[in-house]
Each structure stands twice: as structure tokens, then as C-alpha cells.
């Protein structure tokens, strides 16, 4: 994914990226998400920006944190279906 500078904040672009990946099935239920540092390098942004994005995704229920193992895509199919419907609109 390429992050662009413009009217959409960078953290929002990262959220949108993960929402599309989850909704499309490229990120599957229960799949582990890369570390914050790894994602920051991938997106070429500050780790704090990635952390902010992942926190928002967690608040929305799309990912969850296993305290000792990292962050994972939700297993809740209802949440994923709701995400799919919102993206289609």
C-alpha cells in the first residue's frame, strides 16, 4: 500500500487499508497482524501513526489484541459481514 500526502490523514489511510483487506478476505479471521514496527517500515510512517490506526481498528472490533501474542483479525463473522456491508455502501 502506498501512503499519500493529501486531504486524508495517514492514520485513516492505514485504517482504510486494513478494512479493505479484512472485508476482501485477504486478511482472514484469526490471522496475525504484523508488528507495529514492521508495519511502520512497510508503510514508511512513524510507529505512533500505526499504533493509532490499530487502536481505532480494535475499538471498531475488527482486530483484537492477545496480550502475549500480538494483534489478530477478529473471529466474529457478524463484525466482518457488517464491515463488508459498510464498504459496499
PDB file of N, CA and C in Angstrom:
ATOM      1  N   UNK A   1       0.843  -1.186   0.000  1.00  0.00           N
ATOM      2  CA  UNK A   1       0.000   0.000   0.000  1.00  0.00           C
ATOM      3  C   UNK A   1       0.876   1.233   0.000  1.00  0.00           C
ATOM      4  N   UNK A   2       0.469   2.187  -0.780  1.00  0.00           N
ATOM      5  CA  UNK A   2       1.204   3.443  -0.835  1.00  0.00           C
ATOM      6  C   UNK A   2       0.426   4.501  -0.057  1.00  0.00           C
ATOM      7  N   UNK A   3       1.098   5.111   0.898  1.00  0.00           N
ATOM      8  CA  UNK A   3       0.516   6.201   1.685  1.00  0.00           C
ATOM      9  C   UNK A   3       0.755   7.496   0.919  1.00  0.00           C
ATOM     10  N   UNK A   4      -0.293   8.287   0.792  1.00  0.00           N
ATOM     11  CA  UNK A   4      -0.160   9.547   0.075  1.00  0.00           C
ATOM     12  C   UNK A   4      -0.359  10.721   1.023  1.00  0.00           C
ATOM     13  N   UNK A   5       0.261  11.816   0.688  1.00  0.00           N
ATOM     14  CA  UNK A   5       0.011  13.039   1.439  1.00  0.00           C
ATOM     15  C   UNK A   5      -1.098  13.774   0.710  1.00  0.00           C
ATOM     16  N   UNK A   6      -2.033  14.252   1.448  1.00  0.00           N
ATOM     17  CA  UNK A   6      -3.171  14.915   0.834  1.00  0.00           C
ATOM     18  C   UNK A   6      -4.192  15.242   1.902  1.00  0.00           C
ATOM     19  N   UNK A   7      -5.461  15.156   1.534  1.00  0.00           N
ATOM     20  CA  UNK A   7      -6.518  15.550   2.456  1.00  0.00           C
ATOM     21  C   UNK A   7      -6.868  14.467   3.469  1.00  0.00           C
ATOM     22  N   UNK A   8      -6.597  13.201   3.140  1.00  0.00           N
ATOM     23  CA  UNK A   8      -6.935  12.108   4.055  1.00  0.00           C
ATOM     24  C   UNK A   8      -5.755  11.863   4.994  1.00  0.00           C
ATOM     25  N   UNK A   9      -5.987  11.930   6.311  1.00  0.00           N
ATOM     26  CA  UNK A   9      -4.885  11.704   7.259  1.00  0.00           C
ATOM     27  C   UNK A   9      -4.261  10.315   7.067  1.00  0.00           C
ATOM     28  N   UNK A  10      -2.984  10.215   7.343  1.00  0.00           N
ATOM     29  CA  UNK A  10      -2.252   8.969   7.143  1.00  0.00           C
ATOM     30  C   UNK A  10      -2.843   7.837   7.986  1.00  0.00           C
ATOM     31  N   UNK A  11      -3.171   8.119   9.240  1.00  0.00           N
ATOM     32  CA  UNK A  11      -3.713   7.051  10.082  1.00  0.00           C
ATOM     33  C   UNK A  11      -5.017   6.515   9.511  1.00  0.00           C
ATOM     34  N   UNK A  12      -5.811   7.392   8.883  1.00  0.00           N
ATOM     35  CA  UNK A  12      -7.083   6.984   8.274  1.00  0.00           C
ATOM     36  C   UNK A  12      -6.836   6.116   7.036  1.00  0.00           C
ATOM     37  N   UNK A  13      -5.795   6.433   6.279  1.00  0.00           N
ATOM     38  CA  UNK A  13      -5.451   5.620   5.110  1.00  0.00           C
ATOM     39  C   UNK A  13      -5.069   4.200   5.543  1.00  0.00           C
ATOM     40  N   UNK A  14      -4.369   4.094   6.664  1.00  0.00           N
ATOM     41  CA  UNK A  14      -3.985   2.773   7.176  1.00  0.00           C
ATOM     42  C   UNK A  14      -5.225   2.010   7.641  1.00  0.00           C
ATOM     43  N   UNK A  15      -6.134   2.685   8.313  1.00  0.00           N
ATOM     44  CA  UNK A  15      -7.396   2.057   8.732  1.00  0.00           C
ATOM     45  C   UNK A  15      -8.150   1.555   7.512  1.00  0.00           C
ATOM     46  N   UNK A  16      -8.284   2.399   6.500  1.00  0.00           N
ATOM     47  CA  UNK A  16      -8.995   2.013   5.279  1.00  0.00           C
ATOM     48  C   UNK A  16      -8.354   0.800   4.622  1.00  0.00           C
ATOM     49  N   UNK A  17      -7.020   0.768   4.614  1.00  0.00           N
ATOM     50  CA  UNK A  17      -6.287  -0.360   4.038  1.00  0.00           C
ATOM     51  C   UNK A  17      -6.665  -1.659   4.764  1.00  0.00           C
ATOM     52  N   UNK A  18      -6.608  -1.639   6.088  1.00  0.00           N
ATOM     53  CA  UNK A  18      -6.923  -2.848   6.847  1.00  0.00           C
ATOM     54  C   UNK A  18      -8.391  -3.232   6.711  1.00  0.00           C
ATOM     55  N   UNK A  19      -9.276  -2.267   6.685  1.00  0.00           N
ATOM     56  CA  UNK A  19     -10.697  -2.574   6.494  1.00  0.00           C
ATOM     57  C   UNK A  19     -10.924  -3.285   5.163  1.00  0.00           C
ATOM     58  N   UNK A  20     -10.292  -2.803   4.113  1.00  0.00           N
ATOM     59  CA  UNK A  20     -10.432  -3.447   2.798  1.00  0.00           C
ATOM     60  C   UNK A  20      -9.810  -4.840   2.788  1.00  0.00           C
ATOM     61  N   UNK A  21      -8.666  -4.993   3.422  1.00  0.00           N
ATOM     62  CA  UNK A  21      -8.009  -6.302   3.480  1.00  0.00           C
ATOM     63  C   UNK A  21      -8.873  -7.320   4.236  1.00  0.00           C
ATOM     64  N   UNK A  22      -9.493  -6.888   5.317  1.00  0.00           N
ATOM     65  CA  UNK A  22     -10.350  -7.782   6.103  1.00  0.00           C
ATOM     66  C   UNK A  22     -11.627  -8.098   5.334  1.00  0.00           C
ATOM     67  N   UNK A  23     -12.264  -7.069   4.788  1.00  0.00           N
ATOM     68  CA  UNK A  23     -13.524  -7.265   4.069  1.00  0.00           C
ATOM     69  C   UNK A  23     -13.347  -8.147   2.833  1.00  0.00           C
ATOM     70  N   UNK A  24     -12.223  -8.004   2.160  1.00  0.00           N
ATOM     71  CA  UNK A  24     -11.997  -8.783   0.935  1.00  0.00           C
ATOM     72  C   UNK A  24     -11.572 -10.217   1.234  1.00  0.00           C
ATOM     73  N   UNK A  25     -11.175 -10.484   2.468  1.00  0.00           N
ATOM     74  CA  UNK A  25     -10.732 -11.822   2.825  1.00  0.00           C
ATOM     75  C   UNK A  25      -9.245 -12.049   2.647  1.00  0.00           C
ATOM     76  N   UNK A  26      -8.520 -11.029   2.209  1.00  0.00           N
ATOM     77  CA  UNK A  26      -7.066 -11.185   2.094  1.00  0.00           C
ATOM     78  C   UNK A  26      -6.437 -11.344   3.473  1.00  0.00           C
ATOM     79  N   UNK A  27      -7.042 -10.702   4.481  1.00  0.00           N
ATOM     80  CA  UNK A  27      -6.691 -10.967   5.875  1.00  0.00           C
ATOM     81  C   UNK A  27      -7.837 -11.793   6.440  1.00  0.00           C
ATOM     82  N   UNK A  28      -7.557 -13.004   6.814  1.00  0.00           N
ATOM     83  CA  UNK A  28      -8.583 -13.943   7.254  1.00  0.00           C
ATOM     84  C   UNK A  28      -8.852 -13.831   8.752  1.00  0.00           C
ATOM     85  N   UNK A  29     -10.007 -14.316   9.160  1.00  0.00           N
ATOM     86  CA  UNK A  29     -10.368 -14.343  10.577  1.00  0.00           C
ATOM     87  C   UNK A  29      -9.291 -15.067  11.372  1.00  0.00           C
ATOM     88  N   UNK A  30      -8.865 -14.444  12.462  1.00  0.00           N
ATOM     89  CA  UNK A  30      -7.866 -15.055  13.327  1.00  0.00           C
ATOM     90  C   UNK A  30      -6.433 -14.907  12.853  1.00  0.00           C
ATOM     91  N   UNK A  31      -6.220 -14.291  11.696  1.00  0.00           N
ATOM     92  CA  UNK A  31      -4.860 -14.133  11.167  1.00  0.00           C
ATOM     93  C   UNK A  31      -4.094 -13.079  11.963  1.00  0.00           C
ATOM     94  N   UNK A  32      -2.830 -13.383  12.226  1.00  0.00           N
ATOM     95  CA  UNK A  32      -1.978 -12.470  12.979  1.00  0.00           C
ATOM     96  C   UNK A  32      -1.579 -11.283  12.108  1.00  0.00           C
ATOM     97  N   UNK A  33      -1.586 -10.108  12.705  1.00  0.00           N
ATOM     98  CA  UNK A  33      -1.178  -8.880  12.022  1.00  0.00           C
ATOM     99  C   UNK A  33       0.281  -8.618  12.361  1.00  0.00           C
ATOM    100  N   UNK A  34       1.035  -8.138  11.408  1.00  0.00           N
ATOM    101  CA  UNK A  34       2.448  -7.833  11.634  1.00  0.00           C
ATOM    102  C   UNK A  34       2.601  -6.859  12.806  1.00  0.00           C
ATOM    103  N   UNK A  35       3.802  -6.811  13.343  1.00  0.00           N
ATOM    104  CA  UNK A  35       4.085  -5.916  14.472  1.00  0.00           C
ATOM    105  C   UNK A  35       3.974  -4.453  14.035  1.00  0.00           C
ATOM    106  N   UNK A  36       3.811  -3.589  15.003  1.00  0.00           N
ATOM    107  CA  UNK A  36       3.706  -2.157  14.737  1.00  0.00           C
ATOM    108  C   UNK A  36       4.962  -1.654  14.039  1.00  0.00           C
ATOM    109  N   UNK A  37       6.105  -2.069  14.507  1.00  0.00           N
ATOM    110  CA  UNK A  37       7.363  -1.629  13.883  1.00  0.00           C
ATOM    111  C   UNK A  37       7.474  -2.102  12.437  1.00  0.00           C
ATOM    112  N   UNK A  38       7.104  -3.337  12.212  1.00  0.00           N
ATOM    113  CA  UNK A  38       7.154  -3.890  10.862  1.00  0.00           C
ATOM    114  C   UNK A  38       6.197  -3.139   9.927  1.00  0.00           C
ATOM    115  N   UNK A  39       4.997  -2.854  10.411  1.00  0.00           N
ATOM    116  CA  UNK A  39       4.027  -2.104   9.607  1.00  0.00           C
ATOM    117  C   UNK A  39       4.511  -0.681   9.347  1.00  0.00           C
ATOM    118  N   UNK A  40       5.135  -0.074  10.347  1.00  0.00           N
ATOM    119  CA  UNK A  40       5.652   1.292  10.179  1.00  0.00           C
ATOM    120  C   UNK A  40       6.708   1.326   9.068  1.00  0.00           C
ATOM    121  N   UNK A  41       7.562   0.326   9.034  1.00  0.00           N
ATOM    122  CA  UNK A  41       8.573   0.244   7.973  1.00  0.00           C
ATOM    123  C   UNK A  41       7.888   0.023   6.625  1.00  0.00           C
ATOM    124  N   UNK A  42       6.913  -0.881   6.602  1.00  0.00           N
ATOM    125  CA  UNK A  42       6.189  -1.190   5.366  1.00  0.00           C
ATOM    126  C   UNK A  42       5.492   0.053   4.801  1.00  0.00           C
ATOM    127  N   UNK A  43       4.814   0.806   5.676  1.00  0.00           N
ATOM    128  CA  UNK A  43       4.068   1.987   5.242  1.00  0.00           C
ATOM    129  C   UNK A  43       4.930   3.247   5.167  1.00  0.00           C
ATOM    130  N   UNK A  44       6.150   3.145   5.709  1.00  0.00           N
ATOM    131  CA  UNK A  44       7.074   4.292   5.758  1.00  0.00           C
ATOM    132  C   UNK A  44       6.488   5.457   6.547  1.00  0.00           C
ATOM    133  N   UNK A  45       5.985   5.107   7.751  1.00  0.00           N
ATOM    134  CA  UNK A  45       5.403   6.107   8.640  1.00  0.00           C
ATOM    135  C   UNK A  45       5.935   5.886  10.053  1.00  0.00           C
ATOM    136  N   UNK A  46       5.636   6.818  10.929  1.00  0.00           N
ATOM    137  CA  UNK A  46       6.021   6.724  12.333  1.00  0.00           C
ATOM    138  C   UNK A  46       5.234   5.590  13.013  1.00  0.00           C
ATOM    139  N   UNK A  47       5.875   4.795  13.870  1.00  0.00           N
ATOM    140  CA  UNK A  47       5.146   3.729  14.575  1.00  0.00           C
ATOM    141  C   UNK A  47       3.941   4.232  15.368  1.00  0.00           C
ATOM    142  N   UNK A  48       4.008   5.466  15.877  1.00  0.00           N
ATOM    143  CA  UNK A  48       2.859   6.022  16.604  1.00  0.00           C
ATOM    144  C   UNK A  48       1.625   6.147  15.707  1.00  0.00           C
ATOM    145  N   UNK A  49       1.845   6.422  14.433  1.00  0.00           N
ATOM    146  CA  UNK A  49       0.735   6.528  13.480  1.00  0.00           C
ATOM    147  C   UNK A  49       0.081   5.161  13.289  1.00  0.00           C
ATOM    148  N   UNK A  50       0.904   4.137  13.163  1.00  0.00           N
ATOM    149  CA  UNK A  50       0.379   2.773  13.023  1.00  0.00           C
ATOM    150  C   UNK A  50      -0.373   2.376  14.293  1.00  0.00           C
ATOM    151  N   UNK A  51       0.193   2.679  15.441  1.00  0.00           N
ATOM    152  CA  UNK A  51      -0.447   2.360  16.723  1.00  0.00           C
ATOM    153  C   UNK A  51      -1.822   3.013  16.811  1.00  0.00           C
ATOM    154  N   UNK A  52      -1.918   4.262  16.406  1.00  0.00           N
ATOM    155  CA  UNK A  52      -3.196   4.982  16.432  1.00  0.00           C
ATOM    156  C   UNK A  52      -4.222   4.292  15.530  1.00  0.00           C
ATOM    157  N   UNK A  53      -3.782   3.869  14.360  1.00  0.00           N
ATOM    158  CA  UNK A  53      -4.672   3.188  13.414  1.00  0.00           C
ATOM    159  C   UNK A  53      -5.162   1.860  13.978  1.00  0.00           C
ATOM    160  N   UNK A  54      -4.242   1.076  14.539  1.00  0.00           N
ATOM    161  CA  UNK A  54      -4.612  -0.229  15.077  1.00  0.00           C
ATOM    162  C   UNK A  54      -5.527  -0.090  16.290  1.00  0.00           C
ATOM    163  N   UNK A  55      -5.316   0.926  17.087  1.00  0.00           N
ATOM    164  CA  UNK A  55      -6.190   1.176  18.229  1.00  0.00           C
ATOM    165  C   UNK A  55      -7.615   1.462  17.763  1.00  0.00           C
ATOM    166  N   UNK A  56      -7.735   2.244  16.717  1.00  0.00           N
ATOM    167  CA  UNK A  56      -9.065   2.558  16.163  1.00  0.00           C
ATOM    168  C   UNK A  56      -9.721   1.294  15.584  1.00  0.00           C
ATOM    169  N   UNK A  57      -8.941   0.468  14.905  1.00  0.00           N
ATOM    170  CA  UNK A  57      -9.470  -0.793  14.375  1.00  0.00           C
ATOM    171  C   UNK A  57      -9.927  -1.710  15.501  1.00  0.00           C
ATOM    172  N   UNK A  58      -9.199  -1.697  16.599  1.00  0.00           N
ATOM    173  CA  UNK A  58      -9.576  -2.517  17.746  1.00  0.00           C
ATOM    174  C   UNK A  58     -10.858  -1.984  18.391  1.00  0.00           C
ATOM    175  N   UNK A  59     -10.972  -0.678  18.499  1.00  0.00           N
ATOM    176  CA  UNK A  59     -12.203  -0.079  19.047  1.00  0.00           C
ATOM    177  C   UNK A  59     -13.418  -0.435  18.193  1.00  0.00           C
ATOM    178  N   UNK A  60     -13.198  -0.551  16.884  1.00  0.00           N
ATOM    179  CA  UNK A  60     -14.284  -0.901  15.964  1.00  0.00           C
ATOM    180  C   UNK A  60     -14.606  -2.390  15.990  1.00  0.00           C
ATOM    181  N   UNK A  61     -13.730  -3.182  16.606  1.00  0.00           N
ATOM    182  CA  UNK A  61     -13.974  -4.617  16.711  1.00  0.00           C
ATOM    183  C   UNK A  61     -13.407  -5.432  15.569  1.00  0.00           C
ATOM    184  N   UNK A  62     -12.657  -4.819  14.675  1.00  0.00           N
ATOM    185  CA  UNK A  62     -12.126  -5.536  13.511  1.00  0.00           C
ATOM    186  C   UNK A  62     -10.873  -6.334  13.837  1.00  0.00           C
ATOM    187  N   UNK A  63     -10.156  -5.934  14.864  1.00  0.00           N
ATOM    188  CA  UNK A  63      -8.992  -6.686  15.325  1.00  0.00           C
ATOM    189  C   UNK A  63      -9.060  -6.778  16.846  1.00  0.00           C
ATOM    190  N   UNK A  64      -8.265  -7.672  17.391  1.00  0.00           N
ATOM    191  CA  UNK A  64      -8.167  -7.761  18.850  1.00  0.00           C
ATOM    192  C   UNK A  64      -6.722  -8.049  19.222  1.00  0.00           C
ATOM    193  N   UNK A  65      -6.390  -7.775  20.463  1.00  0.00           N
ATOM    194  CA  UNK A  65      -5.043  -7.996  20.957  1.00  0.00           C
ATOM    195  C   UNK A  65      -5.034  -9.167  21.905  1.00  0.00           C
ATOM    196  N   UNK A  66      -4.146 -10.115  21.628  1.00  0.00           N
ATOM    197  CA  UNK A  66      -3.849 -11.190  22.573  1.00  0.00           C
ATOM    198  C   UNK A  66      -2.594 -10.715  23.281  1.00  0.00           C
ATOM    199  N   UNK A  67      -2.713 -10.427  24.512  1.00  0.00           N
ATOM    200  CA  UNK A  67      -1.685  -9.709  25.263  1.00  0.00           C
ATOM    201  C   UNK A  67      -0.259 -10.212  25.057  1.00  0.00           C
ATOM    202  N   UNK A  68      -0.075 -11.504  24.939  1.00  0.00           N
ATOM    203  CA  UNK A  68       1.281 -12.037  24.802  1.00  0.00           C
ATOM    204  C   UNK A  68       1.653 -12.419  23.382  1.00  0.00           C
ATOM    205  N   UNK A  69       0.673 -12.471  22.492  1.00  0.00           N
ATOM    206  CA  UNK A  69       0.941 -12.973  21.143  1.00  0.00           C
ATOM    207  C   UNK A  69       0.794 -11.959  20.024  1.00  0.00           C
ATOM    208  N   UNK A  70       0.236 -10.786  20.280  1.00  0.00           N
ATOM    209  CA  UNK A  70       0.106  -9.774  19.239  1.00  0.00           C
ATOM    210  C   UNK A  70      -1.334  -9.453  18.891  1.00  0.00           C
ATOM    211  N   UNK A  71      -1.495  -8.899  17.700  1.00  0.00           N
ATOM    212  CA  UNK A  71      -2.817  -8.470  17.232  1.00  0.00           C
ATOM    213  C   UNK A  71      -3.299  -9.407  16.139  1.00  0.00           C
ATOM    214  N   UNK A  72      -4.618  -9.660  16.147  1.00  0.00           N
ATOM    215  CA  UNK A  72      -5.215 -10.609  15.229  1.00  0.00           C
ATOM    216  C   UNK A  72      -6.511 -10.039  14.650  1.00  0.00           C
ATOM    217  N   UNK A  73      -6.877 -10.535  13.468  1.00  0.00           N
ATOM    218  CA  UNK A  73      -8.155 -10.178  12.857  1.00  0.00           C
ATOM    219  C   UNK A  73      -9.254 -10.867  13.656  1.00  0.00           C
ATOM    220  N   UNK A  74     -10.367 -10.190  13.856  1.00  0.00           N
ATOM    221  CA  UNK A  74     -11.470 -10.735  14.630  1.00  0.00           C
ATOM    222  C   UNK A  74     -11.975 -12.054  14.051  1.00  0.00           C
ATOM    223  N   UNK A  75     -12.476 -12.905  14.936  1.00  0.00           N
ATOM    224  CA  UNK A  75     -13.107 -14.160  14.530  1.00  0.00           C
ATOM    225  C   UNK A  75     -14.623 -13.986  14.392  1.00  0.00           C
ATOM    226  N   UNK A  76     -15.126 -12.833  14.756  1.00  0.00           N
ATOM    227  CA  UNK A  76     -16.564 -12.569  14.763  1.00  0.00           C
ATOM    228  C   UNK A  76     -17.064 -12.314  13.338  1.00  0.00           C
ATOM    229  N   UNK A  77     -17.748 -13.304  12.782  1.00  0.00           N
ATOM    230  CA  UNK A  77     -18.235 -13.197  11.398  1.00  0.00           C
ATOM    231  C   UNK A  77     -19.267 -12.080  11.235  1.00  0.00           C
ATOM    232  N   UNK A  78     -20.046 -11.799  12.281  1.00  0.00           N
ATOM    233  CA  UNK A  78     -21.037 -10.718  12.200  1.00  0.00           C
ATOM    234  C   UNK A  78     -20.348  -9.371  11.990  1.00  0.00           C
ATOM    235  N   UNK A  79     -19.239  -9.153  12.677  1.00  0.00           N
ATOM    236  CA  UNK A  79     -18.489  -7.899  12.542  1.00  0.00           C
ATOM    237  C   UNK A  79     -17.932  -7.778  11.121  1.00  0.00           C
ATOM    238  N   UNK A  80     -17.423  -8.877  10.591  1.00  0.00           N
ATOM    239  CA  UNK A  80     -16.859  -8.854   9.232  1.00  0.00           C
ATOM    240  C   UNK A  80     -17.952  -8.616   8.203  1.00  0.00           C
ATOM    241  N   UNK A  81     -19.110  -9.236   8.371  1.00  0.00           N
ATOM    242  CA  UNK A  81     -20.229  -9.014   7.440  1.00  0.00           C
ATOM    243  C   UNK A  81     -20.698  -7.565   7.501  1.00  0.00           C
ATOM    244  N   UNK A  82     -20.741  -7.005   8.707  1.00  0.00           N
ATOM    245  CA  UNK A  82     -21.128  -5.598   8.860  1.00  0.00           C
ATOM    246  C   UNK A  82     -20.120  -4.697   8.149  1.00  0.00           C
ATOM    247  N   UNK A  83     -18.840  -5.013   8.273  1.00  0.00           N
ATOM    248  CA  UNK A  83     -17.799  -4.260   7.582  1.00  0.00           C
ATOM    249  C   UNK A  83     -17.988  -4.354   6.070  1.00  0.00           C
ATOM    250  N   UNK A  84     -18.258  -5.543   5.574  1.00  0.00           N
ATOM    251  CA  UNK A  84     -18.498  -5.730   4.133  1.00  0.00           C
ATOM    252  C   UNK A  84     -19.655  -4.861   3.651  1.00  0.00           C
ATOM    253  N   UNK A  85     -20.737  -4.854   4.414  1.00  0.00           N
ATOM    254  CA  UNK A  85     -21.900  -4.037   4.017  1.00  0.00           C
ATOM    255  C   UNK A  85     -21.553  -2.549   4.007  1.00  0.00           C
ATOM    256  N   UNK A  86     -20.789  -2.099   4.997  1.00  0.00           N
ATOM    257  CA  UNK A  86     -20.457  -0.664   5.056  1.00  0.00           C
ATOM    258  C   UNK A  86     -19.520  -0.269   3.911  1.00  0.00           C
ATOM    259  N   UNK A  87     -18.647  -1.160   3.505  1.00  0.00           N
ATOM    260  CA  UNK A  87     -17.744  -0.848   2.397  1.00  0.00           C
ATOM    261  C   UNK A  87     -18.506  -0.827   1.076  1.00  0.00           C
ATOM    262  N   UNK A  88     -19.467  -1.730   0.927  1.00  0.00           N
ATOM    263  CA  UNK A  88     -20.258  -1.766  -0.308  1.00  0.00           C
ATOM    264  C   UNK A  88     -21.050  -0.490  -0.487  1.00  0.00           C
ATOM    265  N   UNK A  89     -21.548   0.068   0.620  1.00  0.00           N
ATOM    266  CA  UNK A  89     -22.308   1.321   0.541  1.00  0.00           C
ATOM    267  C   UNK A  89     -21.372   2.421   0.127  1.00  0.00           C
TER     268      UNK A  89
END
